């Protein structure tokens, strides 16, 4: 082909331009994003997750929870996320500032988790989440490999789950979450998007100029 080198150079230039527009453009917009300091609360938001929550993020990723759960509340008009109680505002880039690998998710087989720790009308606590992980619910499987059933020696452990009925362990046994289960719950309880960042507020509609 007579103009082969020029043709391939054009293809390379097109890919290079596309890459620069997406990667460098996004970095120019968001690369300098920082936590927002609130003088009224004397705190910066978003809050940096604890060490346990950071470990739990790795467990969340290992279990591939993002295949069934998203972490992105859509803006009004693009779904019923807020009506379902998944959040009072849309998610913005600043929400993910301290996430090492953002778990936006692939589909919504289960509910969105972006604002799990502040969900209304009631947010789950650690006990609720540990029981859910052990028992499963609906299409969510049980993750019993995250728990152990040691023998009761003396008094039951204060970490043991209070289970009844068919879920109650055999006599002399107790169900105790592993450190991985507790770290995962710490991560889930760190997902709190209740703070309203300025960029999350809906844009005011523009008034048409009077002629």
Foldseek 3Di string as FASTA:
>chain_A
DVCVVVVVVVVVVVVVVVCCCPPVVVCVVPVPDDWDADPVVRDTPPDAADPLLLLLVVLCVVVVVLQAEAQWQDAPPPDCLVVVQVAPFTDDPRLCVNPPDHSRGDYHNDYYLLAQLPGPPDHDDLLVQLVCLQPPDDPGDHPLVQKDKDFDDDHDDPQFRDDDDPPQDPPRITIHGHSNSVSNSSNSNSNRPHDDDPVRDDDDDDDDDDD
